[in-house]
Amino acid sequence: CEGRVELEQEGTWGTVCDDGWDIPDADVVCRQLQCGHAVRAHGNATF
């Protein structure tokens, strides 16, 4: 329930750029993973 956001598209894993990345975006990720809601939305490759 913590880390760098990675998505799969056509069998390849990729990442999300932090431009405009904020708590509402992170909330969707946390809920999708059944991890509650977002405490922090990190950029700059924190993980």
PDB file of all heavy atoms in Angstrom:
ATOM      1  N   CYS A   1       0.814  -1.214   0.000  1.00  0.00           N
ATOM      2  CA  CYS A   1       0.000   0.000   0.000  1.00  0.00           C
ATOM      3  C   CYS A   1       0.851   1.269   0.000  1.00  0.00           C
ATOM      4  O   CYS A   1       0.413   2.328   0.447  1.00  0.00           O
ATOM      5  CB  CYS A   1      -0.957  -0.010   1.192  1.00  0.00           C
ATOM      6  SG  CYS A   1      -2.219  -1.317   1.082  1.00  0.00           S
ATOM      7  N   GLU A   2       2.069   1.157  -0.488  1.00  0.00           N
ATOM      8  CA  GLU A   2       2.962   2.310  -0.599  1.00  0.00           C
ATOM      9  C   GLU A   2       3.913   2.044  -1.751  1.00  0.00           C
ATOM     10  O   GLU A   2       4.379   0.928  -1.921  1.00  0.00           O
ATOM     11  CB  GLU A   2       3.763   2.469   0.703  1.00  0.00           C
ATOM     12  CG  GLU A   2       4.880   3.496   0.614  1.00  0.00           C
ATOM     13  CD  GLU A   2       5.857   3.438   1.776  1.00  0.00           C
ATOM     14  OE1 GLU A   2       6.765   2.585   1.751  1.00  0.00           O
ATOM     15  OE2 GLU A   2       5.725   4.243   2.699  1.00  0.00           O
ATOM     16  N   GLY A   3       4.206   3.075  -2.542  1.00  0.00           N
ATOM     17  CA  GLY A   3       5.238   2.893  -3.557  1.00  0.00           C
ATOM     18  C   GLY A   3       5.011   3.700  -4.824  1.00  0.00           C
ATOM     19  O   GLY A   3       4.156   4.593  -4.887  1.00  0.00           O
ATOM     20  N   ARG A   4       5.826   3.360  -5.816  1.00  0.00           N
ATOM     21  CA  ARG A   4       5.752   3.987  -7.136  1.00  0.00           C
ATOM     22  C   ARG A   4       4.562   3.391  -7.890  1.00  0.00           C
ATOM     23  O   ARG A   4       4.374   2.177  -7.906  1.00  0.00           O
ATOM     24  CB  ARG A   4       7.062   3.697  -7.890  1.00  0.00           C
ATOM     25  CG  ARG A   4       7.150   4.248  -9.300  1.00  0.00           C
ATOM     26  CD  ARG A   4       8.518   3.938  -9.923  1.00  0.00           C
ATOM     27  NE  ARG A   4       8.782   2.505 -10.021  1.00  0.00           N
ATOM     28  CZ  ARG A   4       9.637   1.839  -9.240  1.00  0.00           C
ATOM     29  NH1 ARG A   4      10.333   2.436  -8.303  1.00  0.00           N
ATOM     30  NH2 ARG A   4       9.810   0.542  -9.410  1.00  0.00           N
ATOM     31  N   VAL A   5       3.773   4.250  -8.504  1.00  0.00           N
ATOM     32  CA  VAL A   5       2.590   3.786  -9.229  1.00  0.00           C
ATOM     33  C   VAL A   5       3.021   3.170 -10.559  1.00  0.00           C
ATOM     34  O   VAL A   5       3.733   3.804 -11.347  1.00  0.00           O
ATOM     35  CB  VAL A   5       1.620   4.954  -9.486  1.00  0.00           C
ATOM     36  CG1 VAL A   5       0.395   4.474 -10.258  1.00  0.00           C
ATOM     37  CG2 VAL A   5       1.205   5.606  -8.175  1.00  0.00           C
ATOM     38  N   GLU A   6       2.618   1.922 -10.763  1.00  0.00           N
ATOM     39  CA  GLU A   6       2.925   1.246 -12.021  1.00  0.00           C
ATOM     40  C   GLU A   6       1.645   0.688 -12.634  1.00  0.00           C
ATOM     41  O   GLU A   6       0.831   0.075 -11.937  1.00  0.00           O
ATOM     42  CB  GLU A   6       3.949   0.120 -11.805  1.00  0.00           C
ATOM     43  CG  GLU A   6       5.292   0.661 -11.335  1.00  0.00           C
ATOM     44  CD  GLU A   6       6.413  -0.368 -11.365  1.00  0.00           C
ATOM     45  OE1 GLU A   6       6.119  -1.584 -11.486  1.00  0.00           O
ATOM     46  OE2 GLU A   6       7.575   0.038 -11.261  1.00  0.00           O
ATOM     47  N   LEU A   7       1.499   0.911 -13.932  1.00  0.00           N
ATOM     48  CA  LEU A   7       0.338   0.448 -14.692  1.00  0.00           C
ATOM     49  C   LEU A   7       0.787  -0.556 -15.741  1.00  0.00           C
ATOM     50  O   LEU A   7       1.926  -0.494 -16.216  1.00  0.00           O
ATOM     51  CB  LEU A   7      -0.313   1.626 -15.427  1.00  0.00           C
ATOM     52  CG  LEU A   7      -0.926   2.739 -14.593  1.00  0.00           C
ATOM     53  CD1 LEU A   7      -1.097   3.976 -15.448  1.00  0.00           C
ATOM     54  CD2 LEU A   7      -2.260   2.292 -14.049  1.00  0.00           C
ATOM     55  N   GLU A   8      -0.132  -1.450 -16.104  1.00  0.00           N
ATOM     56  CA  GLU A   8       0.182  -2.416 -17.155  1.00  0.00           C
ATOM     57  C   GLU A   8      -0.635  -2.079 -18.401  1.00  0.00           C
ATOM     58  O   GLU A   8      -1.831  -1.847 -18.324  1.00  0.00           O
ATOM     59  CB  GLU A   8      -0.161  -3.829 -16.678  1.00  0.00           C
ATOM     60  CG  GLU A   8       0.308  -4.896 -17.651  1.00  0.00           C
ATOM     61  CD  GLU A   8      -0.152  -6.279 -17.224  1.00  0.00           C
ATOM     62  OE1 GLU A   8      -1.175  -6.375 -16.519  1.00  0.00           O
ATOM     63  OE2 GLU A   8       0.504  -7.254 -17.611  1.00  0.00           O
ATOM     64  N   GLN A   9       0.051  -2.019 -19.529  1.00  0.00           N
ATOM     65  CA  GLN A   9      -0.625  -1.783 -20.806  1.00  0.00           C
ATOM     66  C   GLN A   9      -0.094  -2.789 -21.818  1.00  0.00           C
ATOM     67  O   GLN A   9       1.098  -2.829 -22.092  1.00  0.00           O
ATOM     68  CB  GLN A   9      -0.354  -0.352 -21.288  1.00  0.00           C
ATOM     69  CG  GLN A   9      -1.184   0.042 -22.509  1.00  0.00           C
ATOM     70  CD  GLN A   9      -1.062   1.537 -22.794  1.00  0.00           C
ATOM     71  OE1 GLN A   9      -0.013   2.135 -22.602  1.00  0.00           O
ATOM     72  NE2 GLN A   9      -2.144   2.139 -23.255  1.00  0.00           N
ATOM     73  N   GLU A  10      -0.995  -3.643 -22.293  1.00  0.00           N
ATOM     74  CA  GLU A  10      -0.632  -4.657 -23.287  1.00  0.00           C
ATOM     75  C   GLU A  10       0.594  -5.471 -22.860  1.00  0.00           C
ATOM     76  O   GLU A  10       1.533  -5.672 -23.623  1.00  0.00           O
ATOM     77  CB  GLU A  10      -0.402  -3.998 -24.652  1.00  0.00           C
ATOM     78  CG  GLU A  10      -1.687  -3.421 -25.228  1.00  0.00           C
ATOM     79  CD  GLU A  10      -1.442  -2.432 -26.357  1.00  0.00           C
ATOM     80  OE1 GLU A  10      -0.270  -2.234 -26.745  1.00  0.00           O
ATOM     81  OE2 GLU A  10      -2.433  -1.848 -26.837  1.00  0.00           O
ATOM     82  N   GLY A  11       0.585  -5.894 -21.605  1.00  0.00           N
ATOM     83  CA  GLY A  11       1.640  -6.780 -21.112  1.00  0.00           C
ATOM     84  C   GLY A  11       2.908  -6.093 -20.661  1.00  0.00           C
ATOM     85  O   GLY A  11       3.835  -6.746 -20.182  1.00  0.00           O
ATOM     86  N   THR A  12       2.994  -4.768 -20.794  1.00  0.00           N
ATOM     87  CA  THR A  12       4.198  -4.039 -20.379  1.00  0.00           C
ATOM     88  C   THR A  12       3.862  -3.123 -19.206  1.00  0.00           C
ATOM     89  O   THR A  12       2.848  -2.420 -19.232  1.00  0.00           O
ATOM     90  CB  THR A  12       4.724  -3.166 -21.541  1.00  0.00           C
ATOM     91  OG1 THR A  12       4.986  -4.018 -22.656  1.00  0.00           O
ATOM     92  CG2 THR A  12       6.003  -2.451 -21.153  1.00  0.00           C
ATOM     93  N   TRP A  13       4.721  -3.156 -18.181  1.00  0.00           N
ATOM     94  CA  TRP A  13       4.525  -2.280 -17.025  1.00  0.00           C
ATOM     95  C   TRP A  13       5.210  -0.949 -17.267  1.00  0.00           C
ATOM     96  O   TRP A  13       6.336  -0.895 -17.763  1.00  0.00           O
ATOM     97  CB  TRP A  13       5.069  -2.925 -15.763  1.00  0.00           C
ATOM     98  CG  TRP A  13       4.215  -4.054 -15.269  1.00  0.00           C
ATOM     99  CD1 TRP A  13       4.358  -5.389 -15.570  1.00  0.00           C
ATOM    100  CD2 TRP A  13       3.075  -3.960 -14.424  1.00  0.00           C
ATOM    101  NE1 TRP A  13       3.362  -6.114 -14.949  1.00  0.00           N
ATOM    102  CE2 TRP A  13       2.569  -5.266 -14.241  1.00  0.00           C
ATOM    103  CE3 TRP A  13       2.425  -2.891 -13.791  1.00  0.00           C
ATOM    104  CZ2 TRP A  13       1.452  -5.540 -13.456  1.00  0.00           C
ATOM    105  CZ3 TRP A  13       1.311  -3.164 -13.004  1.00  0.00           C
ATOM    106  CH2 TRP A  13       0.831  -4.475 -12.841  1.00  0.00           C
ATOM    107  N   GLY A  14       4.521   0.125 -16.896  1.00  0.00           N
ATOM    108  CA  GLY A  14       5.087   1.462 -17.038  1.00  0.00           C
ATOM    109  C   GLY A  14       4.716   2.319 -15.844  1.00  0.00           C
ATOM    110  O   GLY A  14       4.058   1.861 -14.906  1.00  0.00           O
ATOM    111  N   THR A  15       5.127   3.587 -15.879  1.00  0.00           N
ATOM    112  CA  THR A  15       4.942   4.472 -14.730  1.00  0.00           C
ATOM    113  C   THR A  15       4.069   5.675 -15.096  1.00  0.00           C
ATOM    114  O   THR A  15       3.613   5.817 -16.227  1.00  0.00           O
ATOM    115  CB  THR A  15       6.304   4.963 -14.213  1.00  0.00           C
ATOM    116  OG1 THR A  15       6.942   5.726 -15.254  1.00  0.00           O
ATOM    117  CG2 THR A  15       7.204   3.805 -13.808  1.00  0.00           C
ATOM    118  N   VAL A  16       3.863   6.534 -14.099  1.00  0.00           N
ATOM    119  CA  VAL A  16       3.051   7.743 -14.249  1.00  0.00           C
ATOM    120  C   VAL A  16       3.931   8.948 -13.944  1.00  0.00           C
ATOM    121  O   VAL A  16       4.680   8.937 -12.961  1.00  0.00           O
ATOM    122  CB  VAL A  16       1.851   7.701 -13.274  1.00  0.00           C
ATOM    123  CG1 VAL A  16       1.058   9.002 -13.325  1.00  0.00           C
ATOM    124  CG2 VAL A  16       0.950   6.507 -13.577  1.00  0.00           C
ATOM    125  N   CYS A  17       3.833   9.992 -14.755  1.00  0.00           N
ATOM    126  CA  CYS A  17       4.623  11.200 -14.520  1.00  0.00           C
ATOM    127  C   CYS A  17       3.981  12.035 -13.420  1.00  0.00           C
ATOM    128  O   CYS A  17       2.753  12.080 -13.287  1.00  0.00           O
ATOM    129  CB  CYS A  17       4.717  12.002 -15.809  1.00  0.00           C
ATOM    130  SG  CYS A  17       5.759  13.455 -15.643  1.00  0.00           S
ATOM    131  N   ASP A  18       4.812  12.739 -12.625  1.00  0.00           N
ATOM    132  CA  ASP A  18       4.289  13.483 -11.476  1.00  0.00           C
ATOM    133  C   ASP A  18       3.719  14.863 -11.822  1.00  0.00           C
ATOM    134  O   ASP A  18       3.263  15.580 -10.922  1.00  0.00           O
ATOM    135  CB  ASP A  18       5.357  13.605 -10.382  1.00  0.00           C
ATOM    136  CG  ASP A  18       6.565  14.427 -10.818  1.00  0.00           C
ATOM    137  OD1 ASP A  18       6.521  15.077 -11.886  1.00  0.00           O
ATOM    138  OD2 ASP A  18       7.567  14.429 -10.080  1.00  0.00           O
ATOM    139  N   ASP A  19       3.715  15.271 -13.088  1.00  0.00           N
ATOM    140  CA  ASP A  19       3.118  16.563 -13.450  1.00  0.00           C
ATOM    141  C   ASP A  19       1.635  16.549 -13.083  1.00  0.00           C
ATOM    142  O   ASP A  19       0.876  15.713 -13.580  1.00  0.00           O
ATOM    143  CB  ASP A  19       3.238  16.834 -14.963  1.00  0.00           C
ATOM    144  CG  ASP A  19       4.690  17.024 -15.398  1.00  0.00           C
ATOM    145  OD1 ASP A  19       5.550  17.251 -14.518  1.00  0.00           O
ATOM    146  OD2 ASP A  19       4.965  16.927 -16.605  1.00  0.00           O
ATOM    147  N   GLY A  20       1.226  17.447 -12.194  1.00  0.00           N
ATOM    148  CA  GLY A  20      -0.176  17.506 -11.792  1.00  0.00           C
ATOM    149  C   GLY A  20      -0.610  16.405 -10.839  1.00  0.00           C
ATOM    150  O   GLY A  20      -1.800  16.296 -10.520  1.00  0.00           O
ATOM    151  N   TRP A  21       0.320  15.562 -10.370  1.00  0.00           N
ATOM    152  CA  TRP A  21      -0.029  14.435  -9.488  1.00  0.00           C
ATOM    153  C   TRP A  21      -0.381  14.962  -8.099  1.00  0.00           C
ATOM    154  O   TRP A  21       0.416  15.658  -7.478  1.00  0.00           O
ATOM    155  CB  TRP A  21       1.155  13.474  -9.409  1.00  0.00           C
ATOM    156  CG  TRP A  21       0.870  12.213  -8.659  1.00  0.00           C
ATOM    157  CD1 TRP A  21       1.328  11.870  -7.412  1.00  0.00           C
ATOM    158  CD2 TRP A  21       0.075  11.112  -9.100  1.00  0.00           C
ATOM    159  NE1 TRP A  21       0.860  10.635  -7.061  1.00  0.00           N
ATOM    160  CE2 TRP A  21       0.088  10.140  -8.077  1.00  0.00           C
ATOM    161  CE3 TRP A  21      -0.666  10.852 -10.264  1.00  0.00           C
ATOM    162  CZ2 TRP A  21      -0.600   8.935  -8.174  1.00  0.00           C
ATOM    163  CZ3 TRP A  21      -1.350   9.648 -10.362  1.00  0.00           C
ATOM    164  CH2 TRP A  21      -1.319   8.704  -9.325  1.00  0.00           C
ATOM    165  N   ASP A  22      -1.579  14.636  -7.609  1.00  0.00           N
ATOM    166  CA  ASP A  22      -1.998  15.163  -6.313  1.00  0.00           C
ATOM    167  C   ASP A  22      -2.853  14.138  -5.565  1.00  0.00           C
ATOM    168  O   ASP A  22      -3.032  13.005  -6.020  1.00  0.00           O
ATOM    169  CB  ASP A  22      -2.738  16.497  -6.493  1.00  0.00           C
ATOM    170  CG  ASP A  22      -3.960  16.371  -7.410  1.00  0.00           C
ATOM    171  OD1 ASP A  22      -4.387  15.233  -7.702  1.00  0.00           O
ATOM    172  OD2 ASP A  22      -4.490  17.419  -7.828  1.00  0.00           O
ATOM    173  N   ILE A  23      -3.369  14.558  -4.409  1.00  0.00           N
ATOM    174  CA  ILE A  23      -4.106  13.632  -3.530  1.00  0.00           C
ATOM    175  C   ILE A  23      -5.325  12.982  -4.208  1.00  0.00           C
ATOM    176  O   ILE A  23      -5.520  11.768  -4.067  1.00  0.00           O
ATOM    177  CB  ILE A  23      -4.490  14.322  -2.196  1.00  0.00           C
ATOM    178  CG1 ILE A  23      -3.238  14.514  -1.313  1.00  0.00           C
ATOM    179  CG2 ILE A  23      -5.536  13.526  -1.437  1.00  0.00           C
ATOM    180  CD1 ILE A  23      -2.678  13.229  -0.687  1.00  0.00           C
ATOM    181  N   PRO A  24      -6.169  13.713  -4.963  1.00  0.00           N
ATOM    182  CA  PRO A  24      -7.291  13.015  -5.618  1.00  0.00           C
ATOM    183  C   PRO A  24      -6.825  11.895  -6.566  1.00  0.00           C
ATOM    184  O   PRO A  24      -7.469  10.840  -6.651  1.00  0.00           O
ATOM    185  CB  PRO A  24      -8.011  14.130  -6.391  1.00  0.00           C
ATOM    186  CG  PRO A  24      -7.676  15.376  -5.630  1.00  0.00           C
ATOM    187  CD  PRO A  24      -6.271  15.177  -5.138  1.00  0.00           C
ATOM    188  N   ASP A  25      -5.690  12.114  -7.267  1.00  0.00           N
ATOM    189  CA  ASP A  25      -5.148  11.058  -8.135  1.00  0.00           C
ATOM    190  C   ASP A  25      -4.715   9.861  -7.285  1.00  0.00           C
ATOM    191  O   ASP A  25      -5.020   8.705  -7.593  1.00  0.00           O
ATOM    192  CB  ASP A  25      -3.930  11.577  -8.912  1.00  0.00           C
ATOM    193  CG  ASP A  25      -4.226  12.826  -9.725  1.00  0.00           C
ATOM    194  OD1 ASP A  25      -5.355  12.951 -10.220  1.00  0.00           O
ATOM    195  OD2 ASP A  25      -3.331  13.670  -9.864  1.00  0.00           O
ATOM    196  N   ALA A  26      -3.979  10.156  -6.213  1.00  0.00           N
ATOM    197  CA  ALA A  26      -3.466   9.099  -5.339  1.00  0.00           C
ATOM    198  C   ALA A  26      -4.616   8.343  -4.660  1.00  0.00           C
ATOM    199  O   ALA A  26      -4.533   7.130  -4.443  1.00  0.00           O
ATOM    200  CB  ALA A  26      -2.526   9.696  -4.293  1.00  0.00           C
ATOM    201  N   ASP A  27      -5.706   9.065  -4.334  1.00  0.00           N
ATOM    202  CA  ASP A  27      -6.881   8.434  -3.721  1.00  0.00           C
ATOM    203  C   ASP A  27      -7.453   7.329  -4.599  1.00  0.00           C
ATOM    204  O   ASP A  27      -7.841   6.263  -4.107  1.00  0.00           O
ATOM    205  CB  ASP A  27      -7.984   9.488  -3.517  1.00  0.00           C
ATOM    206  CG  ASP A  27      -8.071   9.942  -2.072  1.00  0.00           C
ATOM    207  OD1 ASP A  27      -7.582   9.221  -1.191  1.00  0.00           O
ATOM    208  OD2 ASP A  27      -8.638  11.018  -1.838  1.00  0.00           O
ATOM    209  N   VAL A  28      -7.518   7.581  -5.902  1.00  0.00           N
ATOM    210  CA  VAL A  28      -8.061   6.595  -6.843  1.00  0.00           C
ATOM    211  C   VAL A  28      -7.193   5.338  -6.826  1.00  0.00           C
ATOM    212  O   VAL A  28      -7.696   4.211  -6.785  1.00  0.00           O
ATOM    213  CB  VAL A  28      -8.168   7.186  -8.265  1.00  0.00           C
ATOM    214  CG1 VAL A  28      -8.558   6.111  -9.275  1.00  0.00           C
ATOM    215  CG2 VAL A  28      -9.187   8.336  -8.282  1.00  0.00           C
ATOM    216  N   VAL A  29      -5.872   5.527  -6.800  1.00  0.00           N
ATOM    217  CA  VAL A  29      -4.937   4.403  -6.755  1.00  0.00           C
ATOM    218  C   VAL A  29      -5.137   3.586  -5.476  1.00  0.00           C
ATOM    219  O   VAL A  29      -5.263   2.357  -5.511  1.00  0.00           O
ATOM    220  CB  VAL A  29      -3.481   4.899  -6.851  1.00  0.00           C
ATOM    221  CG1 VAL A  29      -2.495   3.770  -6.558  1.00  0.00           C
ATOM    222  CG2 VAL A  29      -3.214   5.505  -8.225  1.00  0.00           C
ATOM    223  N   CYS A  30      -5.182   4.280  -4.329  1.00  0.00           N
ATOM    224  CA  CYS A  30      -5.322   3.578  -3.045  1.00  0.00           C
ATOM    225  C   CYS A  30      -6.628   2.789  -2.993  1.00  0.00           C
ATOM    226  O   CYS A  30      -6.648   1.636  -2.547  1.00  0.00           O
ATOM    227  CB  CYS A  30      -5.268   4.576  -1.891  1.00  0.00           C
ATOM    228  SG  CYS A  30      -3.634   5.325  -1.651  1.00  0.00           S
ATOM    229  N   ARG A  31      -7.711   3.396  -3.473  1.00  0.00           N
ATOM    230  CA  ARG A  31      -8.999   2.710  -3.427  1.00  0.00           C
ATOM    231  C   ARG A  31      -9.012   1.516  -4.371  1.00  0.00           C
ATOM    232  O   ARG A  31      -9.528   0.447  -4.047  1.00  0.00           O
ATOM    233  CB  ARG A  31     -10.120   3.692  -3.746  1.00  0.00           C
ATOM    234  CG  ARG A  31     -11.378   3.399  -2.973  1.00  0.00           C
ATOM    235  CD  ARG A  31     -12.480   4.394  -3.088  1.00  0.00           C
ATOM    236  NE  ARG A  31     -12.607   4.946  -4.412  1.00  0.00           N
ATOM    237  CZ  ARG A  31     -12.283   6.209  -4.722  1.00  0.00           C
ATOM    238  NH1 ARG A  31     -11.799   7.012  -3.800  1.00  0.00           N
ATOM    239  NH2 ARG A  31     -12.426   6.653  -5.935  1.00  0.00           N
ATOM    240  N   GLN A  32      -8.416   1.686  -5.541  1.00  0.00           N
ATOM    241  CA  GLN A  32      -8.368   0.599  -6.528  1.00  0.00           C
ATOM    242  C   GLN A  32      -7.626  -0.614  -5.960  1.00  0.00           C
ATOM    243  O   GLN A  32      -7.960  -1.758  -6.250  1.00  0.00           O
ATOM    244  CB  GLN A  32      -7.671   1.123  -7.791  1.00  0.00           C
ATOM    245  CG  GLN A  32      -7.885   0.266  -9.029  1.00  0.00           C
ATOM    246  CD  GLN A  32      -7.242   0.898 -10.262  1.00  0.00           C
ATOM    247  OE1 GLN A  32      -7.037   2.108 -10.323  1.00  0.00           O
ATOM    248  NE2 GLN A  32      -6.914   0.081 -11.234  1.00  0.00           N
ATOM    249  N   LEU A  33      -6.600  -0.370  -5.134  1.00  0.00           N
ATOM    250  CA  LEU A  33      -5.795  -1.448  -4.548  1.00  0.00           C
ATOM    251  C   LEU A  33      -6.355  -1.915  -3.199  1.00  0.00           C
ATOM    252  O   LEU A  33      -5.724  -2.725  -2.528  1.00  0.00           O
ATOM    253  CB  LEU A  33      -4.359  -0.978  -4.367  1.00  0.00           C
ATOM    254  CG  LEU A  33      -3.576  -0.739  -5.659  1.00  0.00           C
ATOM    255  CD1 LEU A  33      -2.248  -0.074  -5.368  1.00  0.00           C
ATOM    256  CD2 LEU A  33      -3.356  -2.050  -6.417  1.00  0.00           C
ATOM    257  N   GLN A  34      -7.517  -1.376  -2.801  1.00  0.00           N
ATOM    258  CA  GLN A  34      -8.115  -1.690  -1.496  1.00  0.00           C
ATOM    259  C   GLN A  34      -7.145  -1.378  -0.358  1.00  0.00           C
ATOM    260  O   GLN A  34      -6.965  -2.150   0.579  1.00  0.00           O
ATOM    261  CB  GLN A  34      -8.572  -3.148  -1.446  1.00  0.00           C
ATOM    262  CG  GLN A  34      -9.669  -3.417  -2.472  1.00  0.00           C
ATOM    263  CD  GLN A  34     -10.165  -4.843  -2.447  1.00  0.00           C
ATOM    264  OE1 GLN A  34      -9.379  -5.781  -2.424  1.00  0.00           O
ATOM    265  NE2 GLN A  34     -11.473  -5.013  -2.456  1.00  0.00           N
ATOM    266  N   CYS A  35      -6.525  -0.197  -0.486  1.00  0.00           N
ATOM    267  CA  CYS A  35      -5.553   0.266   0.513  1.00  0.00           C
ATOM    268  C   CYS A  35      -6.063   1.501   1.255  1.00  0.00           C
ATOM    269  O   CYS A  35      -5.267   2.282   1.783  1.00  0.00           O
ATOM    270  CB  CYS A  35      -4.225   0.582  -0.157  1.00  0.00           C
ATOM    271  SG  CYS A  35      -3.272  -0.869  -0.657  1.00  0.00           S
ATOM    272  N   GLY A  36      -7.387   1.703   1.275  1.00  0.00           N
ATOM    273  CA  GLY A  36      -7.922   2.864   1.973  1.00  0.00           C
ATOM    274  C   GLY A  36      -7.867   4.100   1.097  1.00  0.00           C
ATOM    275  O   GLY A  36      -8.168   4.047  -0.096  1.00  0.00           O
ATOM    276  N   HIS A  37      -7.459   5.214   1.683  1.00  0.00           N
ATOM    277  CA  HIS A  37      -7.310   6.425   0.883  1.00  0.00           C
ATOM    278  C   HIS A  37      -5.892   6.964   1.018  1.00  0.00           C
ATOM    279  O   HIS A  37      -5.083   6.435   1.780  1.00  0.00           O
ATOM    280  CB  HIS A  37      -8.381   7.471   1.251  1.00  0.00           C
ATOM    281  CG  HIS A  37      -8.369   7.875   2.691  1.00  0.00           C
ATOM    282  ND1 HIS A  37      -7.580   8.879   3.164  1.00  0.00           N
ATOM    283  CD2 HIS A  37      -9.058   7.396   3.762  1.00  0.00           C
ATOM    284  CE1 HIS A  37      -7.770   9.016   4.468  1.00  0.00           C
ATOM    285  NE2 HIS A  37      -8.655   8.126   4.855  1.00  0.00           N
ATOM    286  N   ALA A  38      -5.592   8.009   0.271  1.00  0.00           N
ATOM    287  CA  ALA A  38      -4.219   8.494   0.187  1.00  0.00           C
ATOM    288  C   ALA A  38      -3.843   9.364   1.381  1.00  0.00           C
ATOM    289  O   ALA A  38      -4.605  10.235   1.796  1.00  0.00           O
ATOM    290  CB  ALA A  38      -4.031   9.279  -1.107  1.00  0.00           C
ATOM    291  N   VAL A  39      -2.659   9.114   1.924  1.00  0.00           N
ATOM    292  CA  VAL A  39      -2.083   9.974   2.953  1.00  0.00           C
ATOM    293  C   VAL A  39      -1.133  10.971   2.283  1.00  0.00           C
ATOM    294  O   VAL A  39      -1.075  12.134   2.640  1.00  0.00           O
ATOM    295  CB  VAL A  39      -1.283   9.148   3.995  1.00  0.00           C
ATOM    296  CG1 VAL A  39      -0.725  10.049   5.086  1.00  0.00           C
ATOM    297  CG2 VAL A  39      -2.144   8.067   4.601  1.00  0.00           C
ATOM    298  N   ARG A  40      -0.380  10.503   1.279  1.00  0.00           N
ATOM    299  CA  ARG A  40       0.565  11.365   0.573  1.00  0.00           C
ATOM    300  C   ARG A  40       0.585  11.021  -0.914  1.00  0.00           C
ATOM    301  O   ARG A  40       0.432   9.859  -1.294  1.00  0.00           O
ATOM    302  CB  ARG A  40       1.985  11.187   1.131  1.00  0.00           C
ATOM    303  CG  ARG A  40       2.101  11.576   2.592  1.00  0.00           C
ATOM    304  CD  ARG A  40       3.533  11.751   3.042  1.00  0.00           C
ATOM    305  NE  ARG A  40       3.543  11.862   4.508  1.00  0.00           N
ATOM    306  CZ  ARG A  40       3.898  10.886   5.330  1.00  0.00           C
ATOM    307  NH1 ARG A  40       4.305   9.738   4.851  1.00  0.00           N
ATOM    308  NH2 ARG A  40       3.877  11.060   6.627  1.00  0.00           N
ATOM    309  N   ALA A  41       0.796  12.046  -1.719  1.00  0.00           N
ATOM    310  CA  ALA A  41       1.008  11.881  -3.164  1.00  0.00           C
ATOM    311  C   ALA A  41       2.426  12.363  -3.448  1.00  0.00           C
ATOM    312  O   ALA A  41       2.720  13.553  -3.316  1.00  0.00           O
ATOM    313  CB  ALA A  41      -0.014  12.703  -3.946  1.00  0.00           C
ATOM    314  N   HIS A  42       3.317  11.453  -3.779  1.00  0.00           N
ATOM    315  CA  HIS A  42       4.731  11.785  -3.958  1.00  0.00           C
ATOM    316  C   HIS A  42       5.098  11.944  -5.429  1.00  0.00           C
ATOM    317  O   HIS A  42       4.530  11.269  -6.287  1.00  0.00           O
ATOM    318  CB  HIS A  42       5.619  10.680  -3.373  1.00  0.00           C
ATOM    319  CG  HIS A  42       5.721  10.702  -1.886  1.00  0.00           C
ATOM    320  ND1 HIS A  42       6.305  11.743  -1.197  1.00  0.00           N
ATOM    321  CD2 HIS A  42       5.318   9.811  -0.946  1.00  0.00           C
ATOM    322  CE1 HIS A  42       6.262  11.477   0.111  1.00  0.00           C
ATOM    323  NE2 HIS A  42       5.660  10.311   0.283  1.00  0.00           N
ATOM    324  N   GLY A  43       6.059  12.802  -5.700  1.00  0.00           N
ATOM    325  CA  GLY A  43       6.649  12.926  -7.028  1.00  0.00           C
ATOM    326  C   GLY A  43       8.142  12.692  -6.942  1.00  0.00           C
ATOM    327  O   GLY A  43       8.653  12.190  -5.936  1.00  0.00           O
ATOM    328  N   ASN A  44       8.844  13.082  -8.014  1.00  0.00           N
ATOM    329  CA  ASN A  44      10.318  13.043  -8.037  1.00  0.00           C
ATOM    330  C   ASN A  44      10.905  11.677  -7.687  1.00  0.00           C
ATOM    331  O   ASN A  44      11.926  11.592  -7.014  1.00  0.00           O
ATOM    332  CB  ASN A  44      10.897  14.104  -7.088  1.00  0.00           C
ATOM    333  CG  ASN A  44      10.453  15.500  -7.473  1.00  0.00           C
ATOM    334  OD1 ASN A  44      10.332  15.802  -8.654  1.00  0.00           O
ATOM    335  ND2 ASN A  44      10.182  16.340  -6.485  1.00  0.00           N
ATOM    336  N   ALA A  45      10.239  10.616  -8.137  1.00  0.00           N
ATOM    337  CA  ALA A  45      10.756   9.248  -7.954  1.00  0.00           C
ATOM    338  C   ALA A  45      11.142   8.960  -6.502  1.00  0.00           C
ATOM    339  O   ALA A  45      12.192   8.391  -6.230  1.00  0.00           O
ATOM    340  CB  ALA A  45      11.938   8.996  -8.895  1.00  0.00           C
ATOM    341  N   THR A  46      10.281   9.361  -5.573  1.00  0.00           N
ATOM    342  CA  THR A  46      10.513   9.112  -4.140  1.00  0.00           C
ATOM    343  C   THR A  46      10.807   7.638  -3.859  1.00  0.00           C
ATOM    344  O   THR A  46      11.614   7.318  -2.995  1.00  0.00           O
ATOM    345  CB  THR A  46       9.273   9.552  -3.331  1.00  0.00           C
ATOM    346  OG1 THR A  46       9.087  10.949  -3.528  1.00  0.00           O
ATOM    347  CG2 THR A  46       9.423   9.274  -1.848  1.00  0.00           C
ATOM    348  N   PHE A  47      10.150   6.732  -4.588  1.00  0.00           N
ATOM    349  CA  PHE A  47      10.321   5.291  -4.361  1.00  0.00           C
ATOM    350  C   PHE A  47      11.235   4.663  -5.411  1.00  0.00           C
ATOM    351  O   PHE A  47      11.140   3.480  -5.709  1.00  0.00           O
ATOM    352  CB  PHE A  47       8.954   4.600  -4.339  1.00  0.00           C
ATOM    353  CG  PHE A  47       8.082   5.085  -3.219  1.00  0.00           C
ATOM    354  CD1 PHE A  47       7.044   5.972  -3.465  1.00  0.00           C
ATOM    355  CD2 PHE A  47       8.308   4.685  -1.916  1.00  0.00           C
ATOM    356  CE1 PHE A  47       6.245   6.442  -2.427  1.00  0.00           C
ATOM    357  CE2 PHE A  47       7.515   5.143  -0.872  1.00  0.00           C
ATOM    358  CZ  PHE A  47       6.495   6.034  -1.128  1.00  0.00           C
TER     359      PHE A  47
END
